Amino acid sequence: MSSNKRNSNRVGLVIEIKLTCDDNSEHILKSQNISDTGVFLEHNDKPLDLPVGTHVILQVCSQMAEEPPPPVHAEVVRITNEGMGLHFIL
């Protein structure tokens, strides 16, 4: 029996995402997977010091569109050695 408690299927997708914190600091991270409810972002060389419950703004880094994709609000819901899981706030 699987211990996966996710309600949404995850899709492996590696894209750069800009994460903006409350102090306006910006970090470019790579996604590992994404679903309709959240995303898992990999840490760079140094993990960000963002505790569970922190609210951030995410924006896909895309140079294909003339206008940047809209920002999405999210909350840190899980921290691992590899990165962090974020839940979209819609």
N, C-alpha and C. Protein backbone atom coordinates (compact mmCIF):
# COMPACT_ATOMS: atom_id res chain seq x y z
N MET A 1 0.85 -1.18 0.00
CA MET A 1 0.00 0.00 0.00
C MET A 1 0.89 1.24 0.00
N SER A 2 0.59 2.21 -0.80
CA SER A 2 1.36 3.44 -0.91
C SER A 2 1.04 4.38 0.23
N SER A 3 2.08 5.13 0.67
CA SER A 3 1.87 6.12 1.72
C SER A 3 1.65 7.51 1.14
N ASN A 4 1.49 7.61 -0.19
CA ASN A 4 1.28 8.88 -0.85
C ASN A 4 -0.11 9.41 -0.52
N LYS A 5 -0.17 10.57 0.10
CA LYS A 5 -1.45 11.16 0.51
C LYS A 5 -1.85 12.33 -0.38
N ARG A 6 -1.18 12.50 -1.51
CA ARG A 6 -1.47 13.62 -2.40
C ARG A 6 -2.82 13.45 -3.06
N ASN A 7 -3.53 14.57 -3.21
CA ASN A 7 -4.81 14.57 -3.91
C ASN A 7 -4.64 14.86 -5.39
N SER A 8 -3.49 15.39 -5.79
CA SER A 8 -3.24 15.77 -7.18
C SER A 8 -2.04 15.01 -7.70
N ASN A 9 -2.10 14.62 -8.96
CA ASN A 9 -0.96 13.95 -9.59
C ASN A 9 0.14 14.95 -9.86
N ARG A 10 1.36 14.53 -9.63
CA ARG A 10 2.53 15.37 -9.90
C ARG A 10 3.09 15.03 -11.27
N VAL A 11 3.61 16.04 -11.93
CA VAL A 11 4.24 15.88 -13.23
C VAL A 11 5.68 16.35 -13.10
N GLY A 12 6.62 15.52 -13.50
CA GLY A 12 8.03 15.92 -13.49
C GLY A 12 8.24 17.05 -14.48
N LEU A 13 8.68 18.18 -14.00
CA LEU A 13 8.88 19.33 -14.87
C LEU A 13 10.01 20.17 -14.28
N VAL A 14 11.06 20.37 -15.05
CA VAL A 14 12.19 21.17 -14.59
C VAL A 14 12.16 22.51 -15.32
N ILE A 15 11.81 23.55 -14.58
CA ILE A 15 11.81 24.91 -15.11
C ILE A 15 12.34 25.83 -14.02
N GLU A 16 12.84 26.99 -14.42
CA GLU A 16 13.31 27.97 -13.44
C GLU A 16 12.12 28.78 -12.94
N ILE A 17 12.09 28.97 -11.62
CA ILE A 17 11.02 29.73 -10.98
C ILE A 17 11.64 30.76 -10.06
N LYS A 18 11.18 32.00 -10.19
CA LYS A 18 11.64 33.06 -9.29
C LYS A 18 10.77 33.04 -8.05
N LEU A 19 11.40 32.95 -6.89
CA LEU A 19 10.72 32.97 -5.61
C LEU A 19 11.03 34.29 -4.94
N THR A 20 10.00 35.05 -4.58
CA THR A 20 10.18 36.33 -3.91
C THR A 20 9.65 36.23 -2.48
N CYS A 21 10.48 36.61 -1.53
CA CYS A 21 10.13 36.56 -0.11
C CYS A 21 9.53 37.89 0.35
N ASP A 22 9.01 37.91 1.58
CA ASP A 22 8.43 39.12 2.15
C ASP A 22 9.41 40.29 2.20
N ASP A 23 10.70 39.99 2.35
CA ASP A 23 11.70 41.06 2.43
C ASP A 23 12.16 41.51 1.03
N ASN A 24 11.43 41.07 0.00
CA ASN A 24 11.70 41.38 -1.41
C ASN A 24 12.96 40.72 -1.95
N SER A 25 13.58 39.81 -1.20
CA SER A 25 14.71 39.08 -1.76
C SER A 25 14.18 38.10 -2.80
N GLU A 26 14.94 37.90 -3.85
CA GLU A 26 14.53 37.03 -4.95
C GLU A 26 15.54 35.90 -5.12
N HIS A 27 15.03 34.72 -5.43
CA HIS A 27 15.85 33.54 -5.61
C HIS A 27 15.34 32.79 -6.85
N ILE A 28 16.25 32.35 -7.69
CA ILE A 28 15.89 31.55 -8.85
C ILE A 28 16.17 30.09 -8.50
N LEU A 29 15.11 29.28 -8.49
CA LEU A 29 15.20 27.86 -8.15
C LEU A 29 14.64 27.04 -9.30
N LYS A 30 14.98 25.76 -9.32
CA LYS A 30 14.44 24.86 -10.35
C LYS A 30 13.37 23.97 -9.74
N SER A 31 12.30 23.80 -10.50
CA SER A 31 11.24 22.90 -10.05
C SER A 31 11.69 21.47 -10.29
N GLN A 32 11.16 20.58 -9.46
CA GLN A 32 11.38 19.15 -9.65
C GLN A 32 10.11 18.51 -10.19
N ASN A 33 8.98 18.96 -9.65
CA ASN A 33 7.68 18.50 -10.13
C ASN A 33 6.63 19.53 -9.78
N ILE A 34 5.48 19.41 -10.43
CA ILE A 34 4.42 20.40 -10.25
C ILE A 34 3.07 19.69 -10.38
N SER A 35 2.07 20.24 -9.73
CA SER A 35 0.69 19.74 -9.86
C SER A 35 -0.22 20.94 -9.92
N ASP A 36 -1.52 20.70 -9.94
CA ASP A 36 -2.43 21.83 -9.98
C ASP A 36 -2.56 22.50 -8.61
N THR A 37 -1.98 21.91 -7.56
CA THR A 37 -2.08 22.50 -6.22
C THR A 37 -0.75 22.97 -5.65
N GLY A 38 0.38 22.60 -6.28
CA GLY A 38 1.65 23.01 -5.72
C GLY A 38 2.84 22.63 -6.58
N VAL A 39 4.02 22.90 -6.02
CA VAL A 39 5.27 22.67 -6.74
C VAL A 39 6.34 22.30 -5.72
N PHE A 40 7.31 21.48 -6.16
CA PHE A 40 8.48 21.19 -5.34
C PHE A 40 9.66 21.86 -5.99
N LEU A 41 10.36 22.71 -5.23
CA LEU A 41 11.51 23.44 -5.74
C LEU A 41 12.78 22.90 -5.10
N GLU A 42 13.79 22.65 -5.93
CA GLU A 42 15.07 22.16 -5.43
C GLU A 42 15.89 23.31 -4.87
N HIS A 43 16.64 23.01 -3.79
CA HIS A 43 17.56 24.00 -3.23
C HIS A 43 18.74 24.17 -4.17
N ASN A 44 19.29 25.36 -4.17
CA ASN A 44 20.56 25.58 -4.86
C ASN A 44 21.64 25.04 -3.95
N ASP A 45 22.83 25.57 -4.04
CA ASP A 45 23.94 25.12 -3.19
C ASP A 45 23.63 25.30 -1.71
N LYS A 46 22.90 26.35 -1.38
CA LYS A 46 22.58 26.64 0.02
C LYS A 46 21.07 26.71 0.18
N PRO A 47 20.49 25.88 1.07
CA PRO A 47 19.04 25.93 1.29
C PRO A 47 18.59 27.30 1.81
N LEU A 48 17.40 27.71 1.39
CA LEU A 48 16.83 28.96 1.89
C LEU A 48 16.33 28.73 3.31
N ASP A 49 16.43 29.74 4.13
CA ASP A 49 15.97 29.65 5.51
C ASP A 49 14.52 30.11 5.58
N LEU A 50 13.62 29.31 5.02
CA LEU A 50 12.20 29.63 5.01
C LEU A 50 11.45 28.54 5.77
N PRO A 51 10.89 28.87 6.92
CA PRO A 51 10.17 27.85 7.69
C PRO A 51 8.82 27.50 7.06
N VAL A 52 8.31 26.33 7.41
CA VAL A 52 6.97 25.94 7.00
C VAL A 52 5.99 27.02 7.44
N GLY A 53 5.07 27.37 6.55
CA GLY A 53 4.10 28.42 6.83
C GLY A 53 4.44 29.76 6.21
N THR A 54 5.67 29.89 5.69
CA THR A 54 6.09 31.14 5.05
C THR A 54 5.34 31.33 3.74
N HIS A 55 4.85 32.55 3.51
CA HIS A 55 4.18 32.88 2.26
C HIS A 55 5.18 33.54 1.32
N VAL A 56 5.16 33.13 0.06
CA VAL A 56 6.07 33.65 -0.95
C VAL A 56 5.29 33.91 -2.24
N ILE A 57 5.96 34.54 -3.18
CA ILE A 57 5.38 34.76 -4.51
C ILE A 57 6.27 34.03 -5.51
N LEU A 58 5.65 33.25 -6.39
CA LEU A 58 6.36 32.50 -7.41
C LEU A 58 6.04 33.05 -8.79
N GLN A 59 7.03 33.00 -9.67
CA GLN A 59 6.81 33.41 -11.05
C GLN A 59 7.71 32.59 -11.96
N VAL A 60 7.12 31.98 -12.96
CA VAL A 60 7.89 31.18 -13.91
C VAL A 60 8.81 32.12 -14.68
N CYS A 61 10.07 31.72 -14.81
CA CYS A 61 11.04 32.49 -15.58
C CYS A 61 10.95 32.02 -17.03
N SER A 62 10.32 32.81 -17.86
CA SER A 62 10.14 32.41 -19.25
C SER A 62 10.55 33.55 -20.16
N GLN A 63 11.32 33.20 -21.17
CA GLN A 63 11.70 34.20 -22.16
C GLN A 63 10.97 33.96 -23.46
N MET A 64 10.02 33.02 -23.45
CA MET A 64 9.28 32.70 -24.66
C MET A 64 8.10 33.65 -24.87
N ALA A 65 7.55 34.16 -23.77
CA ALA A 65 6.38 35.02 -23.88
C ALA A 65 6.81 36.49 -23.92
N GLU A 66 6.00 37.29 -24.56
CA GLU A 66 6.31 38.73 -24.60
C GLU A 66 6.14 39.36 -23.23
N GLU A 67 5.15 38.90 -22.49
CA GLU A 67 4.92 39.40 -21.14
C GLU A 67 5.22 38.29 -20.15
N PRO A 68 5.73 38.64 -18.97
CA PRO A 68 6.02 37.59 -17.99
C PRO A 68 4.74 36.92 -17.49
N PRO A 69 4.82 35.64 -17.16
CA PRO A 69 3.66 34.96 -16.60
C PRO A 69 3.22 35.63 -15.30
N PRO A 70 1.96 35.51 -14.93
CA PRO A 70 1.48 36.16 -13.71
C PRO A 70 2.10 35.52 -12.46
N PRO A 71 2.31 36.32 -11.41
CA PRO A 71 2.82 35.76 -10.17
C PRO A 71 1.75 34.92 -9.47
N VAL A 72 2.22 33.95 -8.69
CA VAL A 72 1.33 33.07 -7.95
C VAL A 72 1.76 33.08 -6.49
N HIS A 73 0.81 33.26 -5.59
CA HIS A 73 1.11 33.21 -4.16
C HIS A 73 1.16 31.76 -3.72
N ALA A 74 2.08 31.45 -2.80
CA ALA A 74 2.24 30.08 -2.33
C ALA A 74 2.70 30.09 -0.88
N GLU A 75 2.55 28.93 -0.25
CA GLU A 75 2.96 28.75 1.14
C GLU A 75 3.89 27.54 1.23
N VAL A 76 4.98 27.68 1.97
CA VAL A 76 5.89 26.58 2.21
C VAL A 76 5.18 25.57 3.11
N VAL A 77 5.06 24.32 2.63
CA VAL A 77 4.36 23.30 3.42
C VAL A 77 5.26 22.12 3.79
N ARG A 78 6.44 22.03 3.16
CA ARG A 78 7.33 20.90 3.46
C ARG A 78 8.76 21.28 3.13
N ILE A 79 9.69 20.89 3.99
CA ILE A 79 11.11 21.12 3.77
C ILE A 79 11.82 19.76 3.81
N THR A 80 12.68 19.52 2.83
CA THR A 80 13.49 18.30 2.82
C THR A 80 14.95 18.69 2.57
N ASN A 81 15.83 17.71 2.57
CA ASN A 81 17.24 17.99 2.26
C ASN A 81 17.42 18.42 0.81
N GLU A 82 16.49 18.02 -0.06
CA GLU A 82 16.59 18.34 -1.49
C GLU A 82 15.93 19.66 -1.86
N GLY A 83 14.95 20.10 -1.10
CA GLY A 83 14.24 21.32 -1.46
C GLY A 83 13.02 21.56 -0.60
N MET A 84 12.02 22.21 -1.20
CA MET A 84 10.82 22.55 -0.44
C MET A 84 9.57 22.37 -1.27
N GLY A 85 8.51 21.94 -0.60
CA GLY A 85 7.21 21.81 -1.23
C GLY A 85 6.38 23.04 -0.93
N LEU A 86 5.75 23.58 -1.95
CA LEU A 86 4.92 24.78 -1.81
C LEU A 86 3.51 24.49 -2.29
N HIS A 87 2.54 25.03 -1.59
CA HIS A 87 1.12 24.88 -1.94
C HIS A 87 0.64 26.22 -2.50
N PHE A 88 0.05 26.19 -3.68
CA PHE A 88 -0.46 27.41 -4.30
C PHE A 88 -1.62 27.95 -3.49
N ILE A 89 -1.65 29.27 -3.32
CA ILE A 89 -2.76 29.94 -2.65
C ILE A 89 -3.54 30.65 -3.73
N LEU A 90 -4.73 30.16 -4.00
CA LEU A 90 -5.54 30.71 -5.10
C LEU A 90 -6.62 31.61 -4.58
